[in-house]
Protein backbone atom coordinates (compact mmCIF):
# COMPACT_ATOMS: atom_id res chain seq x y z
CA MET A 1 9.27 -28.41 -9.31
CA CYS A 2 9.36 -28.40 -13.21
CA SER A 3 12.58 -28.37 -15.23
CA CYS A 4 13.81 -24.76 -15.87
CA GLU A 5 16.28 -25.31 -18.35
CA GLU A 6 14.23 -23.68 -21.39
CA PRO A 7 15.39 -20.32 -22.33
CA LEU A 8 14.49 -17.73 -20.02
CA TRP A 9 12.98 -14.63 -20.95
CA GLY A 10 14.11 -11.44 -19.32
CA TRP A 11 15.81 -7.86 -19.78
CA GLY A 12 18.08 -5.61 -17.90
CA HIS A 13 18.50 -1.78 -18.42
CA CYS A 14 15.50 0.50 -19.18
CA ALA A 15 15.17 3.77 -20.40
CA PRO A 16 15.01 6.59 -18.19
CA SER A 17 12.03 8.59 -17.06
CA PRO A 18 11.96 12.10 -15.45
CA MET A 19 13.11 12.24 -11.97
CA LEU A 20 12.25 14.30 -8.63
CA LEU A 21 14.54 14.76 -5.54
CA LEU A 22 13.31 12.96 -2.20
CA SER A 23 13.03 14.97 0.90
CA LEU A 24 16.69 15.32 2.58
CA LEU A 25 14.69 14.33 6.08
CA LEU A 26 14.11 11.20 4.52
CA SER A 27 16.81 8.24 6.12
CA ALA A 28 18.77 5.99 3.67
CA ALA A 29 18.59 2.40 4.37
CA PRO A 30 21.84 0.23 5.48
CA LEU A 31 23.94 -1.45 3.20
CA GLY A 32 23.98 0.85 0.63
CA LEU A 33 20.91 -0.65 -0.76
CA LEU A 34 18.04 1.89 -0.82
CA GLY A 35 17.13 5.41 0.07
CA GLU A 36 17.53 6.44 -3.44
CA GLU A 37 16.26 9.99 -4.48
CA ALA A 38 15.03 9.09 -7.63
CA ARG A 39 14.91 5.97 -9.79
CA GLN A 40 14.47 5.06 -13.43
CA VAL A 41 11.35 3.27 -13.95
CA SER A 42 9.93 0.97 -16.39
CA LEU A 43 6.43 -0.95 -16.55
CA GLU A 44 6.20 -3.72 -19.06
CA VAL A 45 3.70 -6.73 -19.38
CA ILE A 46 5.85 -9.54 -19.99
CA PRO A 47 4.78 -11.51 -23.11
CA ASN A 48 3.95 -15.50 -23.00
CA GLN A 49 5.61 -16.29 -26.45
CA ALA A 50 3.86 -19.60 -26.45
CA GLY A 51 0.21 -19.41 -25.55
CA PRO A 52 -2.25 -16.54 -25.28
CA PRO A 53 -1.96 -13.23 -23.35
CA GLN A 54 -1.09 -13.49 -19.44
CA ASN A 55 -1.49 -10.89 -16.86
CA LEU A 56 2.32 -10.47 -15.64
CA LEU A 57 3.28 -6.98 -15.00
CA HIS A 58 6.74 -6.07 -14.10
CA ILE A 59 7.77 -2.81 -12.55
CA ARG A 60 11.71 -2.09 -12.58
CA ALA A 61 13.10 0.90 -10.38
CA VAL A 62 16.52 1.23 -10.86
CA GLY A 63 18.60 3.41 -8.87
CA SER A 64 22.59 4.21 -8.60
CA ASN A 65 23.27 0.82 -6.79
CA SER A 66 20.19 -1.11 -6.49
CA THR A 67 16.78 -2.28 -8.20
CA LEU A 68 13.46 -2.67 -7.17
CA HIS A 69 11.34 -5.31 -8.96
CA TYR A 70 7.37 -5.33 -8.58
CA VAL A 71 6.00 -8.28 -10.02
CA TRP A 72 2.22 -8.06 -10.40
CA SER A 73 -0.12 -10.66 -11.49
CA SER A 74 -3.83 -11.97 -11.68
CA LEU A 75 -2.81 -15.68 -12.42
CA GLY A 76 -4.88 -17.42 -9.42
CA PRO A 77 -5.62 -14.56 -7.14
CA PRO A 78 -3.94 -10.74 -7.55
CA ALA A 79 -0.79 -11.01 -6.11
CA VAL A 80 2.74 -8.86 -5.94
CA LEU A 81 6.32 -10.15 -5.50
CA LEU A 82 8.87 -7.45 -4.15
CA VAL A 83 12.17 -7.76 -4.41
CA ALA A 84 15.23 -5.60 -3.58
CA THR A 85 18.73 -6.27 -5.20
CA ASN A 86 21.87 -4.28 -4.60
CA THR A 87 22.68 -4.01 -7.98
CA PRO A 88 21.24 -1.60 -10.90
CA HIS A 89 21.80 -4.35 -13.29
CA SER A 90 19.26 -7.43 -11.87
CA ALA A 91 16.54 -8.66 -14.28
CA LEU A 92 13.46 -10.64 -14.09
CA SER A 93 13.50 -14.24 -15.58
CA VAL A 94 10.29 -15.69 -16.60
CA ASN A 95 9.76 -19.49 -17.73
CA TRP A 96 6.08 -19.67 -18.90
CA SER A 97 5.77 -23.21 -19.43
CA CYS A 98 7.05 -23.51 -16.01
CA LEU A 99 5.01 -20.73 -14.23
CA LEU A 100 1.61 -22.13 -16.18
CA SER A 101 2.37 -25.49 -15.01
CA PRO A 102 0.62 -27.44 -11.68
CA GLU A 103 4.35 -27.13 -10.19
CA PRO A 104 5.43 -23.94 -11.02
CA ASN A 105 8.21 -23.55 -8.22
CA GLY A 106 11.52 -22.25 -10.49
CA GLY A 107 9.41 -20.41 -13.34
CA LEU A 108 10.12 -17.04 -12.12
CA MET A 109 13.46 -15.70 -10.76
CA VAL A 110 15.43 -12.50 -10.38
CA LEU A 111 19.13 -12.92 -11.13
CA PRO A 112 21.87 -12.81 -10.39
CA LYS A 113 20.41 -14.42 -6.98
CA ASP A 114 23.15 -13.39 -4.65
CA SER A 115 22.13 -9.55 -5.36
CA ILE A 116 18.66 -10.25 -3.40
CA GLN A 117 18.78 -8.49 -0.25
CA PHE A 118 14.96 -8.72 0.56
CA SER A 119 12.11 -10.33 -1.03
CA SER A 120 8.26 -11.10 0.08
CA ALA A 121 4.48 -11.21 -1.50
CA LEU A 122 1.40 -9.83 -0.88
CA VAL A 123 -1.79 -11.93 -1.94
CA PHE A 124 -5.01 -10.67 -2.04
CA THR A 125 -7.20 -13.60 -1.54
CA ARG A 126 -10.80 -13.06 -0.82
CA LEU A 127 -13.51 -10.43 -0.67
CA PHE A 128 -15.99 -10.78 2.07
CA GLU A 129 -19.38 -9.21 2.31
CA PHE A 130 -21.66 -8.89 5.55
CA ASP A 131 -25.09 -7.12 5.95
CA GLY A 132 -24.59 -5.09 8.62
CA THR A 133 -28.26 -3.91 8.67
CA ASN A 134 -28.89 -5.24 12.60
CA THR A 135 -25.47 -4.48 13.69
CA SER A 136 -25.25 -1.36 16.09
CA ASP A 137 -21.68 -2.38 17.59
CA ALA A 138 -18.83 -1.24 15.63
CA ALA A 139 -16.64 -3.83 16.80
CA ALA A 140 -18.79 -6.72 16.40
CA GLU A 141 -17.08 -9.74 15.04
CA PRO A 142 -18.48 -10.55 12.29
CA PRO A 143 -19.67 -7.29 11.21
CA GLY A 144 -23.12 -8.67 10.11
CA LYS A 145 -24.75 -11.86 8.65
CA PRO A 146 -22.12 -12.97 6.14
CA TYR A 147 -22.63 -13.95 2.62
CA PRO A 148 -20.47 -16.17 0.75
CA PRO A 149 -17.36 -14.64 0.04
CA TYR A 150 -15.78 -14.01 -3.43
CA SER A 151 -12.49 -15.78 -4.22
CA LEU A 152 -10.43 -13.69 -6.12
CA ALA A 153 -8.62 -16.46 -7.77
CA GLU A 154 -11.90 -17.13 -9.50
CA PHE A 155 -11.99 -13.74 -11.04
CA SER A 156 -11.92 -12.87 -14.58
CA TRP A 157 -9.44 -10.02 -15.40
CA ASN A 158 -8.93 -7.50 -18.36
CA ASN A 159 -5.86 -7.69 -20.34
CA ILE A 160 -3.44 -5.38 -17.99
CA THR A 161 -2.02 -4.09 -21.79
CA ASP A 162 -5.18 -2.36 -22.65
CA SER A 163 -4.67 -0.13 -19.35
CA LEU A 164 -1.00 0.11 -19.16
CA ASP A 165 0.10 4.16 -19.03
CA PRO A 166 3.66 4.75 -19.30
CA ALA A 167 3.05 8.58 -18.47
CA THR A 168 1.87 8.09 -15.07
CA LEU A 169 3.58 4.83 -15.02
CA SER A 170 0.09 2.99 -14.19
CA ALA A 171 -1.78 0.29 -14.82
CA THR A 172 -5.17 -1.43 -13.56
CA PHE A 173 -6.52 -5.16 -13.09
CA ARG A 174 -10.26 -5.10 -13.51
CA GLY A 175 -12.24 -8.24 -12.88
CA HIS A 176 -15.33 -9.84 -11.98
CA PRO A 177 -16.52 -13.05 -10.71
CA ILE A 178 -16.47 -16.05 -13.25
CA HIS A 179 -19.53 -17.38 -11.54
CA ASP A 180 -22.00 -14.73 -10.36
CA PRO A 181 -25.37 -16.55 -9.78
CA THR A 182 -27.04 -13.34 -8.25
CA TRP A 183 -25.74 -11.19 -10.97
CA ALA A 184 -23.81 -8.79 -8.62
CA PHE A 185 -21.56 -7.79 -10.88
CA ALA A 186 -23.59 -7.53 -13.87
CA ASN A 187 -22.39 -3.89 -13.79
CA GLY A 188 -19.78 -3.51 -11.46
CA SER A 189 -15.81 -4.61 -10.94
CA LEU A 190 -13.39 -4.97 -8.42
CA ALA A 191 -10.09 -2.84 -9.72
CA PHE A 192 -6.56 -2.85 -8.54
CA ARG A 193 -5.02 0.44 -9.71
CA ILE A 194 -1.37 0.13 -9.51
CA GLN A 195 1.26 3.35 -9.77
CA ALA A 196 5.04 3.29 -9.77
CA PHE A 197 7.03 6.50 -8.70
CA SER A 198 10.29 7.99 -10.05
CA GLY A 199 10.57 10.49 -7.11
CA SER A 200 8.66 12.10 -4.15
CA GLY A 201 5.55 13.56 -4.09
CA ARG A 202 1.44 13.08 -2.91
CA PRO A 203 -1.31 12.08 -5.20
CA ALA A 204 -4.24 14.72 -5.84
CA GLN A 205 -6.98 12.81 -4.17
CA PRO A 206 -7.17 11.52 -0.52
CA PRO A 207 -5.66 9.78 1.63
CA ARG A 208 -2.57 11.45 -0.30
CA LEU A 209 0.17 9.14 1.06
CA LEU A 210 3.67 10.45 0.79
CA HIS A 211 5.51 8.16 -1.81
CA THR A 212 9.37 8.15 -2.45
CA ALA A 213 11.20 6.52 -5.25
CA ASP A 214 11.42 3.62 -2.84
CA THR A 215 7.41 2.78 -3.23
CA CYS A 216 4.54 1.60 -5.16
CA GLN A 217 0.82 2.41 -4.42
CA LEU A 218 -1.85 0.27 -4.87
CA GLU A 219 -5.88 1.48 -4.91
CA VAL A 220 -8.51 -0.93 -4.77
CA ALA A 221 -11.83 -0.12 -6.02
CA LEU A 222 -14.93 -1.84 -5.98
CA VAL A 223 -17.43 -0.13 -8.75
CA GLY A 224 -20.85 -0.63 -9.23
CA ALA A 225 -21.41 -4.15 -7.74
CA ALA A 226 -24.84 -4.86 -6.91
CA PRO A 227 -24.64 -5.45 -2.83
CA ARG A 228 -26.41 -8.26 -1.63
CA GLY A 229 -27.85 -6.49 1.71
CA ASN A 230 -29.28 -3.33 2.34
CA ARG A 231 -26.48 -2.26 4.19
CA SER A 232 -23.53 -4.16 3.46
CA LEU A 233 -20.02 -4.10 4.63
CA PHE A 234 -17.07 -5.46 2.77
CA ARG A 235 -13.86 -7.11 4.08
CA LEU A 236 -10.62 -7.72 1.81
CA GLU A 237 -8.52 -10.58 2.92
CA VAL A 238 -4.69 -10.03 2.58
CA ALA A 239 -2.01 -12.72 2.86
CA THR A 240 1.74 -12.54 2.97
CA LEU A 241 5.26 -14.26 3.78
CA GLY A 242 6.64 -13.99 7.29
CA GLN A 243 10.28 -13.53 7.63
CA GLY A 244 11.16 -16.59 9.51
CA PRO A 245 8.59 -18.45 11.85
CA ASP A 246 6.69 -15.03 13.12
CA CYS A 247 4.36 -12.87 11.22
CA PRO A 248 5.33 -9.19 10.30
CA SER A 249 4.47 -6.64 12.78
CA VAL A 250 1.81 -3.87 12.54
CA GLN A 251 2.48 -0.36 13.97
CA GLU A 252 0.42 2.24 14.38
CA GLN A 253 1.68 6.04 14.10
CA HIS A 254 -0.13 9.24 15.27
CA SER A 255 0.09 12.64 14.36
CA ILE A 256 -1.41 15.96 15.40
CA ASP A 257 -1.61 16.96 11.65
CA ASP A 258 -4.56 15.84 9.17
CA GLU A 259 -3.95 18.41 6.29
CA TYR A 260 -3.51 15.72 3.70
CA ALA A 261 -6.48 13.33 4.98
CA PRO A 262 -8.80 15.41 6.85
CA ALA A 263 -10.06 14.00 10.51
CA VAL A 264 -7.14 11.36 10.13
CA PHE A 265 -4.62 11.41 12.47
CA GLN A 266 -3.19 7.78 12.45
CA LEU A 267 -0.73 5.99 10.07
CA ASP A 268 -0.36 1.93 9.95
CA GLN A 269 2.67 -0.04 8.34
CA LEU A 270 3.27 -3.37 8.46
CA LEU A 271 6.92 -3.96 8.56
CA TRP A 272 8.31 -7.52 7.35
CA GLY A 273 11.55 -7.11 9.81
CA SER A 274 13.24 -4.50 11.51
CA LEU A 275 13.50 -1.08 9.94
CA PRO A 276 14.24 -0.77 7.42
CA SER A 277 12.91 -3.73 5.25
CA GLY A 278 9.82 -4.20 3.54
CA PHE A 279 6.80 -2.48 4.62
CA VAL A 280 3.21 -1.71 3.53
CA GLN A 281 1.74 1.33 4.57
CA TRP A 282 -1.95 2.95 4.82
CA ARG A 283 -4.46 5.40 6.43
CA PRO A 284 -7.28 3.47 8.21
CA VAL A 285 -9.59 5.28 6.00
CA ALA A 286 -11.67 4.31 2.71
CA PHE A 287 -13.90 6.20 0.77
CA SER A 288 -17.63 5.53 -0.51
CA GLN A 289 -17.18 8.47 -3.23
CA LYS A 290 -14.63 8.58 -6.22
CA GLN A 291 -13.68 12.52 -4.91
CA GLY A 292 -12.87 11.07 -1.77
CA GLY A 293 -13.54 13.47 0.96
CA ARG A 294 -14.47 14.07 4.52
CA GLU A 295 -17.84 13.28 4.18
CA SER A 296 -17.32 10.02 1.98
CA ALA A 297 -14.45 8.63 4.63
CA LEU A 298 -15.06 5.49 6.09
CA PRO A 299 -13.16 3.81 8.93
CA CYS A 300 -10.63 0.83 7.91
CA GLN A 301 -10.08 -1.68 10.90
CA ALA A 302 -7.28 -3.90 10.44
CA SER A 303 -7.08 -7.14 11.99
CA PRO A 304 -4.05 -8.73 13.70
CA LEU A 305 -1.89 -10.47 11.55
CA HIS A 306 -2.07 -14.41 12.15
CA PRO A 307 -0.34 -17.77 11.12
CA THR A 308 -2.21 -19.36 8.73
CA LEU A 309 -1.93 -22.71 6.39
CA ALA A 310 -1.15 -22.18 2.75
CA TYR A 311 -3.67 -24.91 1.71
CA LEU A 312 -6.33 -22.90 3.46
CA LEU A 313 -5.73 -19.92 1.39
CA PRO A 314 -6.17 -19.76 -2.82
CA GLN A 315 -2.86 -20.31 -4.28
CA SER A 316 -0.85 -17.45 -6.50
CA PRO A 317 1.56 -19.28 -8.93
CA ILE A 318 3.87 -16.51 -9.23
CA VAL A 319 4.56 -16.57 -5.20
CA ARG A 320 4.77 -20.61 -5.48
CA ALA A 321 6.98 -19.88 -8.85
CA PHE A 322 9.73 -17.62 -6.98
CA PHE A 323 9.66 -18.99 -3.19
CA GLY A 324 8.87 -22.78 -3.85
CA SER A 325 6.49 -24.43 -1.51
CA GLN A 326 6.18 -22.33 1.81
CA ASP A 327 4.47 -23.04 5.10
CA ASN A 328 5.25 -19.43 6.50
CA PHE A 329 2.10 -17.42 5.36
CA CYS A 330 0.26 -15.01 7.76
CA ALA A 331 -3.05 -13.32 7.03
CA PHE A 332 -5.10 -10.37 8.01
CA ASN A 333 -8.21 -8.63 7.27
CA LEU A 334 -8.93 -5.05 6.47
CA THR A 335 -13.06 -4.07 7.24
CA PHE A 336 -14.21 -1.18 5.63
CA GLY A 337 -17.13 1.13 7.02
CA THR A 338 -19.63 0.59 9.78
CA SER A 339 -23.73 0.18 9.63
CA THR A 340 -24.09 3.70 10.42
CA GLY A 341 -22.68 6.47 8.58
CA PRO A 342 -21.66 6.55 5.04
CA GLY A 343 -21.45 3.38 3.25
CA TYR A 344 -21.00 1.52 -0.23
CA TRP A 345 -24.51 1.80 -0.40
CA ASP A 346 -24.62 5.61 -0.89
CA GLN A 347 -23.24 5.49 -4.37
CA HIS A 348 -21.98 1.46 -4.71
CA TYR A 349 -18.28 2.66 -4.79
CA LEU A 350 -15.32 2.06 -2.33
CA SER A 351 -11.59 2.37 -2.36
CA TRP A 352 -8.87 2.17 -0.42
CA SER A 353 -5.09 2.93 -0.90
CA MET A 354 -1.77 1.58 0.33
CA LEU A 355 1.96 1.99 -0.55
CA LEU A 356 4.54 -0.85 -0.70
CA GLY A 357 8.05 -0.48 -0.63
CA VAL A 358 11.41 -1.16 0.79
CA GLY A 359 13.63 0.96 3.04
CA THR A 360 12.63 3.24 5.78
CA PRO A 361 8.68 4.17 5.51
CA PRO A 362 8.19 7.74 4.19
CA VAL A 363 7.19 9.79 7.26
CA ASP A 364 5.08 13.10 7.33
CA ALA A 365 6.34 16.26 8.28
CA LEU A 366 4.16 19.01 9.97
CA SER A 367 2.61 20.82 7.23
CA PRO A 368 2.89 24.48 6.66
CA LEU A 369 -0.34 25.40 8.05
CA VAL A 370 0.31 23.53 11.27
CA LEU A 371 3.71 25.11 11.61
CA GLY A 372 2.12 28.28 11.62
CA ILE A 373 -0.26 27.68 13.89
CA MET A 374 2.29 26.44 16.56
CA VAL A 375 4.43 29.58 15.99
CA VAL A 376 1.44 31.79 16.50
CA ALA A 377 0.17 29.66 19.61
CA LEU A 378 3.84 29.11 21.21
CA GLY A 379 5.38 32.60 20.01
CA ALA A 380 2.80 35.07 21.20
CA PRO A 381 3.14 34.18 24.89
CA GLY A 382 6.52 33.97 24.75
CA LEU A 383 6.37 37.74 22.97
CA MET A 384 4.41 38.89 25.34
CA LEU A 385 6.63 37.72 28.52
CA LEU A 386 9.67 39.00 27.12
CA ALA A 387 7.98 42.40 26.35
CA GLY A 388 6.98 42.09 30.20
CA GLY A 389 10.05 41.32 31.29
CA LEU A 390 11.94 44.33 29.35
CA PHE A 391 9.29 46.69 30.74
CA VAL A 392 9.98 45.73 34.19
CA ILE A 393 13.77 45.94 33.68
CA LEU A 394 13.97 49.04 31.86
CA GLY A 395 10.84 50.83 32.70
CA PRO A 396 10.93 54.10 34.52
CA GLN A 397 11.76 53.54 38.15
CA ARG A 398 9.82 55.37 40.98
CA SER A 399 11.24 57.24 43.75
CA SER A 400 10.24 55.68 47.00
CA GLU A 401 8.34 57.85 49.42
CA TYR A 402 9.59 55.82 52.40
CA GLN A 403 11.22 57.61 55.16
CA PRO A 404 13.54 55.62 57.70
CA ILE A 405 12.49 56.04 61.69
CA ASN A 406 15.42 56.86 63.60
């Protein structure tokens, strides 16, 4: 562990941004920590005062009595730290010489430490590619002949400052392999687009995940890279820290409503602990066209989480800087598409989105369209029964022609 007695770089308050109200149906998290209706959100690229620019993006979302810190970086593989505190005054501190050293432990902190209520991380480690030409079974493992994987720790990334957009609270990491002997990425890139939110709402493009002020969205897009097979399938490896000896759990939620994501009736979420805590939420669908729709939808299959050893994964400096040396990593894979139907080969495009947050995950209410259909479907028979009953009770009475026999 390096010495971190040098002055630390950090900040406290941030300027307010426009706010939106959350739905009153959302539950507030315990401890009075989360469930904020709106937050003041700031995005800032933390400068390296003593050397060349480094990609370290800090999103700070301040509520009335809590703060969420999202720290995104492409130092090593792309990774994000998620830290929730119970004070609106917590701040991120970075010691660059420590963070960039071979032993970065202690180089990144959120202060005061005793205000931290939850912390974890996601690391996007590898991109796998398979040739699915001769694979007809969608559940086959592997889904085709594997090609050498792309280690995302060995990518060259753009300067995040160039894509920072305070108006939309967004920024994009865009990269390509440093060593690309097949020139697959000569005209392509892998992009991680991050967007924060000051309130609730939905994006315009599918899968239109419902976001709140307690969430941040990531869109992963592979664009223009030449596939190494005729019908290449791609798989993204994701690692996270467990909260104790066990891996986080993955839950599936099902709905009868697909208005916001046509033909997708499922919502998956990774939970770091008993609700509410940290969560990742996504729909099991990706898209092979930029204007995502039913015709370009691809299934997204998530493997079960499994424990893995840290030395088997590309190491993230920001994760080591914040958590120190850890051995409770868990990993899972997201496989996009099948060898039949639409695929990356159509337009050399693939995108997938997820939400990352703390508290109670957003829950979709039934859309007005579905509610209207239910009212008509259930209300019409009820009205008919009611009318029939009233007719029987209040209708004209016929005189009886029965003559009693003496």
